[in-house]
């Protein structure tokens, strides 16, 4: 947990930051949103995609809509901060890698994403633009702490727009 170019503040630790080396996202992991986007979660499993480090925006950073999009959406996300990496790790052992958690947004240029999908092209321009991963400060904790966490919700202009127990 050192100070790096890409890092987030840690709740309750003014002089420490949580280094962010890689942003790995999971698509179609919420059934309701998958259906909203026209997919059948029973037939299409979740998948992984990445955002560059420059997508990270720490608390207090103003969001700037990309000039090339007219339809930017947000999705509320639970962020799992890993305290170490690895490969070929079992699900049980992966629980030990959790160093904390935060709340984030996955910002997406839906118009650009739809055009890329229609052309069979990658979505990087729609998902990976600078500032497309706004994130709260990290709360240090373990898998057990994560299990005790309550609901997540997002309000926009005092209106509830997303909720997850």
N, C-alpha and C. Protein backbone atom coordinates (compact mmCIF):
# COMPACT_ATOMS: atom_id res chain seq x y z
N UNK A 1 0.82 -1.17 0.00
CA UNK A 1 0.00 0.00 0.00
C UNK A 1 0.87 1.24 0.00
N UNK A 2 1.43 1.52 -1.11
CA UNK A 2 2.33 2.65 -1.22
C UNK A 2 1.69 3.75 -2.05
N UNK A 3 2.33 4.90 -2.07
CA UNK A 3 1.86 6.01 -2.87
C UNK A 3 2.33 5.81 -4.31
N UNK A 4 1.38 5.71 -5.23
CA UNK A 4 1.71 5.56 -6.64
C UNK A 4 0.85 6.52 -7.44
N UNK A 5 1.15 6.60 -8.71
CA UNK A 5 0.38 7.46 -9.59
C UNK A 5 -1.10 7.05 -9.59
N UNK A 6 -1.37 5.75 -9.57
CA UNK A 6 -2.75 5.26 -9.57
C UNK A 6 -3.02 4.60 -8.24
N UNK A 7 -3.72 5.32 -7.39
CA UNK A 7 -4.01 4.83 -6.05
C UNK A 7 -5.26 5.53 -5.54
N UNK A 8 -5.79 4.98 -4.46
CA UNK A 8 -6.98 5.54 -3.83
C UNK A 8 -6.69 5.80 -2.36
N UNK A 9 -7.34 6.81 -1.79
CA UNK A 9 -7.17 7.02 -0.36
C UNK A 9 -7.75 5.83 0.42
N UNK A 10 -7.22 5.62 1.61
CA UNK A 10 -7.72 4.57 2.50
C UNK A 10 -8.48 5.26 3.62
N UNK A 11 -9.68 4.82 3.89
CA UNK A 11 -10.51 5.41 4.93
C UNK A 11 -9.79 5.30 6.28
N UNK A 12 -9.66 6.44 6.96
CA UNK A 12 -9.06 6.47 8.29
C UNK A 12 -7.55 6.48 8.32
N UNK A 13 -6.91 6.53 7.16
CA UNK A 13 -5.45 6.55 7.11
C UNK A 13 -5.00 7.65 6.16
N UNK A 14 -4.86 8.84 6.69
CA UNK A 14 -4.58 10.02 5.87
C UNK A 14 -3.30 9.93 5.06
N UNK A 15 -2.28 9.26 5.58
CA UNK A 15 -0.99 9.23 4.89
C UNK A 15 -0.78 8.00 4.02
N UNK A 16 -1.77 7.12 3.96
CA UNK A 16 -1.62 5.88 3.18
C UNK A 16 -2.61 5.85 2.03
N UNK A 17 -2.16 5.21 0.95
CA UNK A 17 -3.02 5.05 -0.22
C UNK A 17 -2.96 3.60 -0.65
N UNK A 18 -4.00 3.14 -1.32
CA UNK A 18 -4.09 1.77 -1.81
C UNK A 18 -3.71 1.80 -3.30
N UNK A 19 -2.62 1.15 -3.65
CA UNK A 19 -2.15 1.13 -5.04
C UNK A 19 -3.12 0.36 -5.93
N UNK A 20 -3.40 0.92 -7.10
CA UNK A 20 -4.26 0.26 -8.08
C UNK A 20 -3.40 -0.07 -9.28
N UNK A 21 -3.15 -1.35 -9.48
CA UNK A 21 -2.29 -1.79 -10.57
C UNK A 21 -3.07 -2.28 -11.78
N UNK A 22 -4.29 -2.75 -11.54
CA UNK A 22 -5.08 -3.31 -12.63
C UNK A 22 -6.55 -3.15 -12.27
N UNK A 23 -7.37 -2.82 -13.24
CA UNK A 23 -8.81 -2.73 -13.03
C UNK A 23 -9.46 -3.82 -13.86
N UNK A 24 -9.95 -4.84 -13.18
CA UNK A 24 -10.60 -5.97 -13.84
C UNK A 24 -12.09 -5.87 -13.54
N UNK A 25 -12.90 -5.86 -14.58
CA UNK A 25 -14.34 -5.70 -14.43
C UNK A 25 -15.05 -6.99 -14.86
N UNK A 26 -16.23 -7.19 -14.32
CA UNK A 26 -17.03 -8.36 -14.69
C UNK A 26 -18.31 -7.84 -15.35
N UNK A 27 -18.56 -8.29 -16.56
CA UNK A 27 -19.76 -7.91 -17.30
C UNK A 27 -20.83 -8.98 -17.19
N UNK A 28 -22.07 -8.51 -17.17
CA UNK A 28 -23.25 -9.38 -17.09
C UNK A 28 -23.30 -10.22 -15.82
N UNK A 29 -22.78 -9.68 -14.72
CA UNK A 29 -22.85 -10.42 -13.46
C UNK A 29 -24.11 -10.08 -12.66
N UNK A 30 -24.86 -9.08 -13.05
CA UNK A 30 -26.14 -8.78 -12.44
C UNK A 30 -27.25 -9.14 -13.41
N UNK A 31 -28.06 -10.12 -13.04
CA UNK A 31 -29.07 -10.65 -13.95
C UNK A 31 -30.04 -9.58 -14.43
N UNK A 32 -30.51 -8.72 -13.52
CA UNK A 32 -31.47 -7.69 -13.92
C UNK A 32 -30.90 -6.75 -14.98
N UNK A 33 -29.63 -6.37 -14.79
CA UNK A 33 -29.02 -5.47 -15.78
C UNK A 33 -28.77 -6.21 -17.09
N UNK A 34 -28.39 -7.48 -17.03
CA UNK A 34 -28.20 -8.26 -18.26
C UNK A 34 -29.49 -8.29 -19.06
N UNK A 35 -30.61 -8.52 -18.39
CA UNK A 35 -31.92 -8.52 -19.07
C UNK A 35 -32.23 -7.15 -19.65
N UNK A 36 -31.94 -6.10 -18.87
CA UNK A 36 -32.17 -4.73 -19.32
C UNK A 36 -31.41 -4.44 -20.62
N UNK A 37 -30.23 -5.05 -20.77
CA UNK A 37 -29.40 -4.84 -21.96
C UNK A 37 -29.72 -5.85 -23.07
N UNK A 38 -30.77 -6.67 -22.86
CA UNK A 38 -31.21 -7.58 -23.92
C UNK A 38 -30.53 -8.94 -23.93
N UNK A 39 -29.98 -9.36 -22.79
CA UNK A 39 -29.29 -10.65 -22.72
C UNK A 39 -30.02 -11.58 -21.75
N UNK A 40 -29.83 -12.87 -21.94
CA UNK A 40 -30.41 -13.88 -21.07
C UNK A 40 -29.32 -14.39 -20.13
N UNK A 41 -29.35 -14.01 -18.84
CA UNK A 41 -28.28 -14.42 -17.92
C UNK A 41 -28.19 -15.93 -17.72
N UNK A 42 -29.25 -16.65 -18.02
CA UNK A 42 -29.21 -18.11 -17.90
C UNK A 42 -28.44 -18.74 -19.05
N UNK A 43 -28.33 -18.04 -20.17
CA UNK A 43 -27.66 -18.59 -21.35
C UNK A 43 -26.29 -17.97 -21.61
N UNK A 44 -26.06 -16.77 -21.07
CA UNK A 44 -24.81 -16.06 -21.32
C UNK A 44 -24.12 -15.76 -19.99
N UNK A 45 -23.05 -16.47 -19.68
CA UNK A 45 -22.39 -16.26 -18.39
C UNK A 45 -21.66 -14.93 -18.34
N UNK A 46 -21.34 -14.46 -17.12
CA UNK A 46 -20.53 -13.24 -16.99
C UNK A 46 -19.19 -13.40 -17.69
N UNK A 47 -18.56 -12.28 -17.99
CA UNK A 47 -17.25 -12.28 -18.64
C UNK A 47 -16.42 -11.14 -18.05
N UNK A 48 -15.13 -11.17 -18.32
CA UNK A 48 -14.21 -10.16 -17.79
C UNK A 48 -13.79 -9.19 -18.88
N UNK A 49 -13.56 -7.95 -18.46
CA UNK A 49 -12.93 -6.96 -19.33
C UNK A 49 -12.08 -6.05 -18.44
N UNK A 50 -11.20 -5.31 -19.03
CA UNK A 50 -10.27 -4.47 -18.29
C UNK A 50 -10.51 -3.00 -18.60
N UNK A 51 -10.16 -2.16 -17.64
CA UNK A 51 -10.09 -0.72 -17.86
C UNK A 51 -8.65 -0.32 -17.58
N UNK A 52 -8.14 0.67 -18.30
CA UNK A 52 -6.75 1.11 -18.03
C UNK A 52 -6.69 1.84 -16.69
N UNK A 53 -5.51 1.95 -16.14
CA UNK A 53 -5.35 2.68 -14.88
C UNK A 53 -5.83 4.12 -14.99
N UNK A 54 -5.69 4.72 -16.16
CA UNK A 54 -6.12 6.11 -16.35
C UNK A 54 -7.64 6.27 -16.25
N UNK A 55 -8.38 5.16 -16.22
CA UNK A 55 -9.83 5.23 -16.03
C UNK A 55 -10.17 5.56 -14.58
N UNK A 56 -9.26 5.27 -13.65
CA UNK A 56 -9.51 5.49 -12.24
C UNK A 56 -9.67 6.97 -11.93
N UNK A 57 -10.73 7.30 -11.20
CA UNK A 57 -10.96 8.67 -10.73
C UNK A 57 -11.27 8.59 -9.24
N UNK A 58 -10.43 9.20 -8.44
CA UNK A 58 -10.61 9.12 -7.00
C UNK A 58 -11.68 10.10 -6.53
N UNK A 59 -12.12 9.95 -5.28
CA UNK A 59 -13.18 10.83 -4.75
C UNK A 59 -12.85 12.30 -4.94
N UNK A 60 -13.86 13.06 -5.33
CA UNK A 60 -13.68 14.50 -5.51
C UNK A 60 -13.27 14.91 -6.91
N UNK A 61 -12.99 13.93 -7.78
CA UNK A 61 -12.60 14.23 -9.15
C UNK A 61 -13.86 14.48 -9.98
N UNK A 62 -13.91 15.59 -10.67
CA UNK A 62 -15.07 15.89 -11.52
C UNK A 62 -15.11 14.94 -12.71
N UNK A 63 -16.29 14.43 -13.02
CA UNK A 63 -16.44 13.57 -14.19
C UNK A 63 -16.62 14.43 -15.43
N UNK A 64 -15.89 14.07 -16.49
CA UNK A 64 -15.99 14.78 -17.76
C UNK A 64 -16.49 13.80 -18.81
N UNK A 65 -17.64 14.12 -19.40
CA UNK A 65 -18.18 13.26 -20.45
C UNK A 65 -17.26 13.32 -21.67
N UNK A 66 -16.99 12.15 -22.27
CA UNK A 66 -16.17 12.15 -23.49
C UNK A 66 -16.86 12.94 -24.60
N UNK A 67 -16.10 13.68 -25.34
CA UNK A 67 -16.64 14.53 -26.40
C UNK A 67 -17.31 13.73 -27.50
N UNK A 68 -16.94 12.46 -27.66
CA UNK A 68 -17.40 11.64 -28.78
C UNK A 68 -18.66 10.84 -28.47
N UNK A 69 -19.28 11.07 -27.30
CA UNK A 69 -20.47 10.32 -26.94
C UNK A 69 -21.60 11.26 -26.53
N UNK A 70 -22.80 10.87 -26.89
CA UNK A 70 -24.00 11.62 -26.51
C UNK A 70 -24.86 10.82 -25.54
N UNK A 71 -24.37 9.64 -25.09
CA UNK A 71 -25.20 8.75 -24.27
C UNK A 71 -24.32 8.00 -23.26
N UNK A 72 -23.93 8.68 -22.19
CA UNK A 72 -23.06 8.10 -21.17
C UNK A 72 -23.93 7.59 -20.02
N UNK A 73 -23.77 6.32 -19.69
CA UNK A 73 -24.51 5.68 -18.60
C UNK A 73 -23.57 5.33 -17.46
N UNK A 74 -24.14 5.07 -16.31
CA UNK A 74 -23.37 4.64 -15.14
C UNK A 74 -23.98 3.37 -14.57
N UNK A 75 -23.15 2.57 -13.95
CA UNK A 75 -23.59 1.39 -13.22
C UNK A 75 -22.86 1.38 -11.89
N UNK A 76 -23.59 1.19 -10.82
CA UNK A 76 -23.01 1.09 -9.48
C UNK A 76 -22.28 -0.23 -9.36
N UNK A 77 -21.08 -0.20 -8.79
CA UNK A 77 -20.26 -1.41 -8.68
C UNK A 77 -19.67 -1.55 -7.28
N UNK A 78 -19.60 -2.77 -6.81
CA UNK A 78 -18.84 -3.09 -5.61
C UNK A 78 -17.41 -3.33 -6.07
N UNK A 79 -16.47 -2.63 -5.49
CA UNK A 79 -15.06 -2.74 -5.86
C UNK A 79 -14.36 -3.60 -4.82
N UNK A 80 -13.69 -4.64 -5.26
CA UNK A 80 -12.91 -5.50 -4.38
C UNK A 80 -11.45 -5.13 -4.60
N UNK A 81 -10.78 -4.70 -3.54
CA UNK A 81 -9.37 -4.32 -3.60
C UNK A 81 -8.54 -5.50 -3.12
N UNK A 82 -7.69 -6.01 -3.99
CA UNK A 82 -6.86 -7.15 -3.64
C UNK A 82 -5.53 -6.67 -3.07
N UNK A 83 -5.06 -7.35 -2.02
CA UNK A 83 -3.80 -6.94 -1.40
C UNK A 83 -2.59 -7.66 -2.00
N UNK A 84 -2.84 -8.59 -2.92
CA UNK A 84 -1.76 -9.24 -3.65
C UNK A 84 -2.35 -9.91 -4.89
N UNK A 85 -1.50 -10.22 -5.82
CA UNK A 85 -1.94 -10.86 -7.05
C UNK A 85 -1.67 -12.35 -7.01
N UNK A 86 -1.82 -12.96 -8.14
CA UNK A 86 -1.57 -14.39 -8.25
C UNK A 86 -2.19 -14.95 -9.50
N UNK A 87 -2.01 -16.22 -9.70
CA UNK A 87 -2.63 -16.89 -10.84
C UNK A 87 -2.97 -18.32 -10.45
N UNK A 88 -3.94 -18.88 -11.12
CA UNK A 88 -4.40 -20.24 -10.85
C UNK A 88 -4.75 -20.41 -9.37
N UNK A 89 -5.55 -19.49 -8.85
CA UNK A 89 -5.92 -19.48 -7.44
C UNK A 89 -7.33 -20.03 -7.30
N UNK A 90 -7.54 -20.92 -6.37
CA UNK A 90 -8.87 -21.48 -6.14
C UNK A 90 -9.79 -20.40 -5.57
N UNK A 91 -11.09 -20.61 -5.71
CA UNK A 91 -12.06 -19.66 -5.18
C UNK A 91 -11.88 -19.50 -3.67
N UNK A 92 -11.63 -20.58 -2.98
CA UNK A 92 -11.44 -20.51 -1.53
C UNK A 92 -10.19 -19.70 -1.17
N UNK A 93 -9.09 -19.95 -1.88
CA UNK A 93 -7.85 -19.21 -1.60
C UNK A 93 -7.96 -17.74 -2.01
N UNK A 94 -8.79 -17.44 -3.00
CA UNK A 94 -8.94 -16.06 -3.47
C UNK A 94 -9.50 -15.17 -2.37
N UNK A 95 -10.30 -15.72 -1.48
CA UNK A 95 -10.87 -14.93 -0.38
C UNK A 95 -9.76 -14.30 0.47
N UNK A 96 -8.62 -14.96 0.56
CA UNK A 96 -7.50 -14.46 1.37
C UNK A 96 -6.80 -13.27 0.72
N UNK A 97 -7.06 -13.02 -0.56
CA UNK A 97 -6.41 -11.92 -1.27
C UNK A 97 -7.11 -10.58 -1.06
N UNK A 98 -8.31 -10.61 -0.50
CA UNK A 98 -9.08 -9.38 -0.32
C UNK A 98 -8.45 -8.52 0.75
N UNK A 99 -8.13 -7.28 0.37
CA UNK A 99 -7.52 -6.34 1.29
C UNK A 99 -8.47 -5.22 1.68
N UNK A 100 -9.55 -5.08 0.92
CA UNK A 100 -10.52 -4.03 1.21
C UNK A 100 -11.57 -3.94 0.12
N UNK A 101 -12.40 -2.95 0.24
CA UNK A 101 -13.46 -2.77 -0.74
C UNK A 101 -13.85 -1.31 -0.81
N UNK A 102 -14.54 -0.97 -1.87
CA UNK A 102 -14.97 0.41 -2.12
C UNK A 102 -16.23 0.36 -2.97
N UNK A 103 -16.74 1.51 -3.28
CA UNK A 103 -17.89 1.63 -4.17
C UNK A 103 -17.41 2.41 -5.40
N UNK A 104 -17.79 1.93 -6.56
CA UNK A 104 -17.37 2.60 -7.78
C UNK A 104 -18.50 2.70 -8.78
N UNK A 105 -18.20 3.39 -9.86
CA UNK A 105 -19.12 3.47 -10.99
C UNK A 105 -18.40 2.97 -12.23
N UNK A 106 -19.12 2.25 -13.06
CA UNK A 106 -18.62 1.85 -14.37
C UNK A 106 -19.33 2.75 -15.37
N UNK A 107 -18.62 3.75 -15.86
CA UNK A 107 -19.18 4.70 -16.82
C UNK A 107 -19.00 4.12 -18.23
N UNK A 108 -20.06 4.19 -19.02
CA UNK A 108 -20.05 3.59 -20.35
C UNK A 108 -20.70 4.52 -21.36
N UNK A 109 -20.04 4.71 -22.49
CA UNK A 109 -20.62 5.44 -23.63
C UNK A 109 -21.47 4.42 -24.39
N UNK A 110 -22.76 4.38 -24.07
CA UNK A 110 -23.63 3.34 -24.66
C UNK A 110 -23.73 3.45 -26.17
N UNK A 111 -23.76 4.65 -26.71
CA UNK A 111 -23.84 4.81 -28.15
C UNK A 111 -22.60 4.26 -28.84
N UNK A 112 -21.45 4.52 -28.27
CA UNK A 112 -20.19 4.03 -28.83
C UNK A 112 -20.10 2.51 -28.66
N UNK A 113 -20.53 2.01 -27.50
CA UNK A 113 -20.52 0.57 -27.25
C UNK A 113 -21.43 -0.17 -28.23
N UNK A 114 -22.62 0.36 -28.47
CA UNK A 114 -23.56 -0.29 -29.38
C UNK A 114 -22.99 -0.34 -30.80
N UNK A 115 -22.37 0.73 -31.22
CA UNK A 115 -21.77 0.75 -32.56
C UNK A 115 -20.64 -0.28 -32.65
N UNK A 116 -19.82 -0.36 -31.62
CA UNK A 116 -18.73 -1.35 -31.60
C UNK A 116 -19.28 -2.77 -31.63
N UNK A 117 -20.33 -3.03 -30.87
CA UNK A 117 -20.95 -4.36 -30.86
C UNK A 117 -21.45 -4.72 -32.26
N UNK A 118 -22.13 -3.79 -32.91
CA UNK A 118 -22.68 -4.05 -34.24
C UNK A 118 -21.59 -4.35 -35.25
N UNK A 119 -20.41 -3.78 -35.06
CA UNK A 119 -19.31 -3.98 -35.99
C UNK A 119 -18.38 -5.11 -35.54
N UNK A 120 -18.72 -5.75 -34.42
CA UNK A 120 -17.88 -6.84 -33.91
C UNK A 120 -16.52 -6.37 -33.42
N UNK A 121 -16.48 -5.14 -32.93
CA UNK A 121 -15.23 -4.55 -32.47
C UNK A 121 -15.18 -4.47 -30.95
N UNK A 122 -13.99 -4.29 -30.37
CA UNK A 122 -13.88 -4.16 -28.91
C UNK A 122 -14.52 -2.87 -28.40
N UNK A 123 -14.77 -2.84 -27.11
CA UNK A 123 -15.47 -1.72 -26.49
C UNK A 123 -14.57 -0.72 -25.81
N UNK A 124 -13.28 -0.77 -25.97
CA UNK A 124 -12.37 0.06 -25.18
C UNK A 124 -12.74 1.54 -25.20
N UNK A 125 -13.10 2.07 -26.34
CA UNK A 125 -13.45 3.48 -26.43
C UNK A 125 -14.69 3.79 -25.59
N UNK A 126 -15.61 2.85 -25.49
CA UNK A 126 -16.84 3.04 -24.73
C UNK A 126 -16.66 2.86 -23.23
N UNK A 127 -15.75 1.99 -22.83
CA UNK A 127 -15.60 1.62 -21.42
C UNK A 127 -14.32 2.14 -20.77
N UNK A 128 -13.27 2.37 -21.54
CA UNK A 128 -11.95 2.62 -20.96
C UNK A 128 -11.43 4.03 -21.08
N UNK A 129 -12.31 4.99 -21.24
CA UNK A 129 -11.82 6.37 -21.36
C UNK A 129 -11.35 6.90 -20.00
N UNK A 130 -10.51 7.91 -20.02
CA UNK A 130 -9.99 8.51 -18.78
C UNK A 130 -11.15 8.93 -17.88
N UNK A 131 -11.08 8.52 -16.62
CA UNK A 131 -12.10 8.89 -15.64
C UNK A 131 -13.34 8.02 -15.67
N UNK A 132 -13.33 6.92 -16.42
CA UNK A 132 -14.53 6.08 -16.56
C UNK A 132 -14.74 5.11 -15.39
N UNK A 133 -13.86 5.18 -14.37
CA UNK A 133 -14.01 4.33 -13.19
C UNK A 133 -13.91 5.17 -11.91
N UNK A 134 -14.89 6.06 -11.67
CA UNK A 134 -14.88 6.81 -10.42
C UNK A 134 -14.99 5.84 -9.24
N UNK A 135 -14.28 6.13 -8.16
CA UNK A 135 -14.24 5.19 -7.04
C UNK A 135 -14.15 5.93 -5.72
N UNK A 136 -14.77 5.36 -4.71
CA UNK A 136 -14.67 5.91 -3.36
C UNK A 136 -13.31 5.56 -2.76
N UNK A 137 -13.06 6.05 -1.57
CA UNK A 137 -11.88 5.62 -0.81
C UNK A 137 -12.05 4.14 -0.46
N UNK A 138 -10.95 3.47 -0.21
CA UNK A 138 -10.96 2.05 0.11
C UNK A 138 -11.13 1.86 1.61
N UNK A 139 -12.02 0.97 1.97
CA UNK A 139 -12.17 0.55 3.37
C UNK A 139 -11.41 -0.76 3.50
N UNK A 140 -10.37 -0.77 4.32
CA UNK A 140 -9.61 -2.00 4.52
C UNK A 140 -10.52 -3.04 5.18
N UNK A 141 -10.36 -4.28 4.76
CA UNK A 141 -11.19 -5.33 5.33
C UNK A 141 -10.93 -6.65 4.66
N UNK A 142 -11.57 -7.67 5.17
CA UNK A 142 -11.39 -9.05 4.71
C UNK A 142 -12.67 -9.54 4.04
N UNK A 143 -12.61 -10.76 3.57
CA UNK A 143 -13.79 -11.40 2.98
C UNK A 143 -14.93 -11.43 4.00
N UNK A 144 -14.62 -11.74 5.25
CA UNK A 144 -15.66 -11.78 6.28
C UNK A 144 -16.30 -10.41 6.47
N UNK A 145 -15.50 -9.36 6.43
CA UNK A 145 -16.05 -8.00 6.53
C UNK A 145 -16.97 -7.70 5.35
N UNK A 146 -16.57 -8.15 4.20
CA UNK A 146 -17.35 -7.94 2.98
C UNK A 146 -18.71 -8.62 3.10
N UNK A 147 -18.74 -9.80 3.69
CA UNK A 147 -20.00 -10.54 3.85
C UNK A 147 -20.98 -9.81 4.78
N UNK A 148 -20.47 -8.98 5.67
CA UNK A 148 -21.30 -8.25 6.62
C UNK A 148 -21.78 -6.91 6.06
N UNK A 149 -21.23 -6.54 4.91
CA UNK A 149 -21.57 -5.24 4.34
C UNK A 149 -23.04 -5.21 3.96
N UNK A 150 -23.65 -4.09 4.14
CA UNK A 150 -25.08 -3.92 3.84
C UNK A 150 -25.33 -3.67 2.37
N UNK A 151 -26.39 -3.03 2.12
CA UNK A 151 -26.84 -2.77 0.75
C UNK A 151 -26.01 -1.69 0.07
N UNK A 152 -26.05 -1.71 -1.24
CA UNK A 152 -25.47 -0.64 -2.06
C UNK A 152 -26.61 0.05 -2.77
N UNK A 153 -26.55 1.37 -2.83
CA UNK A 153 -27.56 2.09 -3.59
C UNK A 153 -26.93 3.35 -4.17
N UNK A 154 -27.56 3.84 -5.21
CA UNK A 154 -27.07 5.04 -5.89
C UNK A 154 -28.25 5.97 -6.11
N UNK A 155 -28.08 7.21 -5.68
CA UNK A 155 -29.09 8.23 -5.96
C UNK A 155 -28.49 9.26 -6.90
N UNK A 156 -29.33 9.80 -7.74
CA UNK A 156 -28.93 10.88 -8.65
C UNK A 156 -29.97 11.97 -8.48
N UNK A 157 -29.53 13.14 -8.07
CA UNK A 157 -30.45 14.26 -7.82
C UNK A 157 -31.57 13.84 -6.88
N UNK A 158 -31.21 13.15 -5.81
CA UNK A 158 -32.12 12.69 -4.75
C UNK A 158 -33.09 11.60 -5.20
N UNK A 159 -32.89 11.01 -6.36
CA UNK A 159 -33.76 9.94 -6.85
C UNK A 159 -32.97 8.63 -6.86
N UNK A 160 -33.52 7.59 -6.22
CA UNK A 160 -32.87 6.28 -6.22
C UNK A 160 -32.86 5.71 -7.63
N UNK A 161 -31.66 5.41 -8.15
CA UNK A 161 -31.55 4.89 -9.52
C UNK A 161 -31.00 3.47 -9.56
N UNK A 162 -30.33 3.03 -8.50
CA UNK A 162 -29.86 1.64 -8.42
C UNK A 162 -29.85 1.20 -6.98
N UNK A 163 -30.18 -0.07 -6.77
CA UNK A 163 -30.21 -0.63 -5.42
C UNK A 163 -29.85 -2.10 -5.51
N UNK A 164 -29.01 -2.55 -4.58
CA UNK A 164 -28.60 -3.96 -4.54
C UNK A 164 -28.41 -4.35 -3.09
N UNK A 165 -29.14 -5.40 -2.66
CA UNK A 165 -28.96 -5.92 -1.29
C UNK A 165 -27.74 -6.77 -1.19
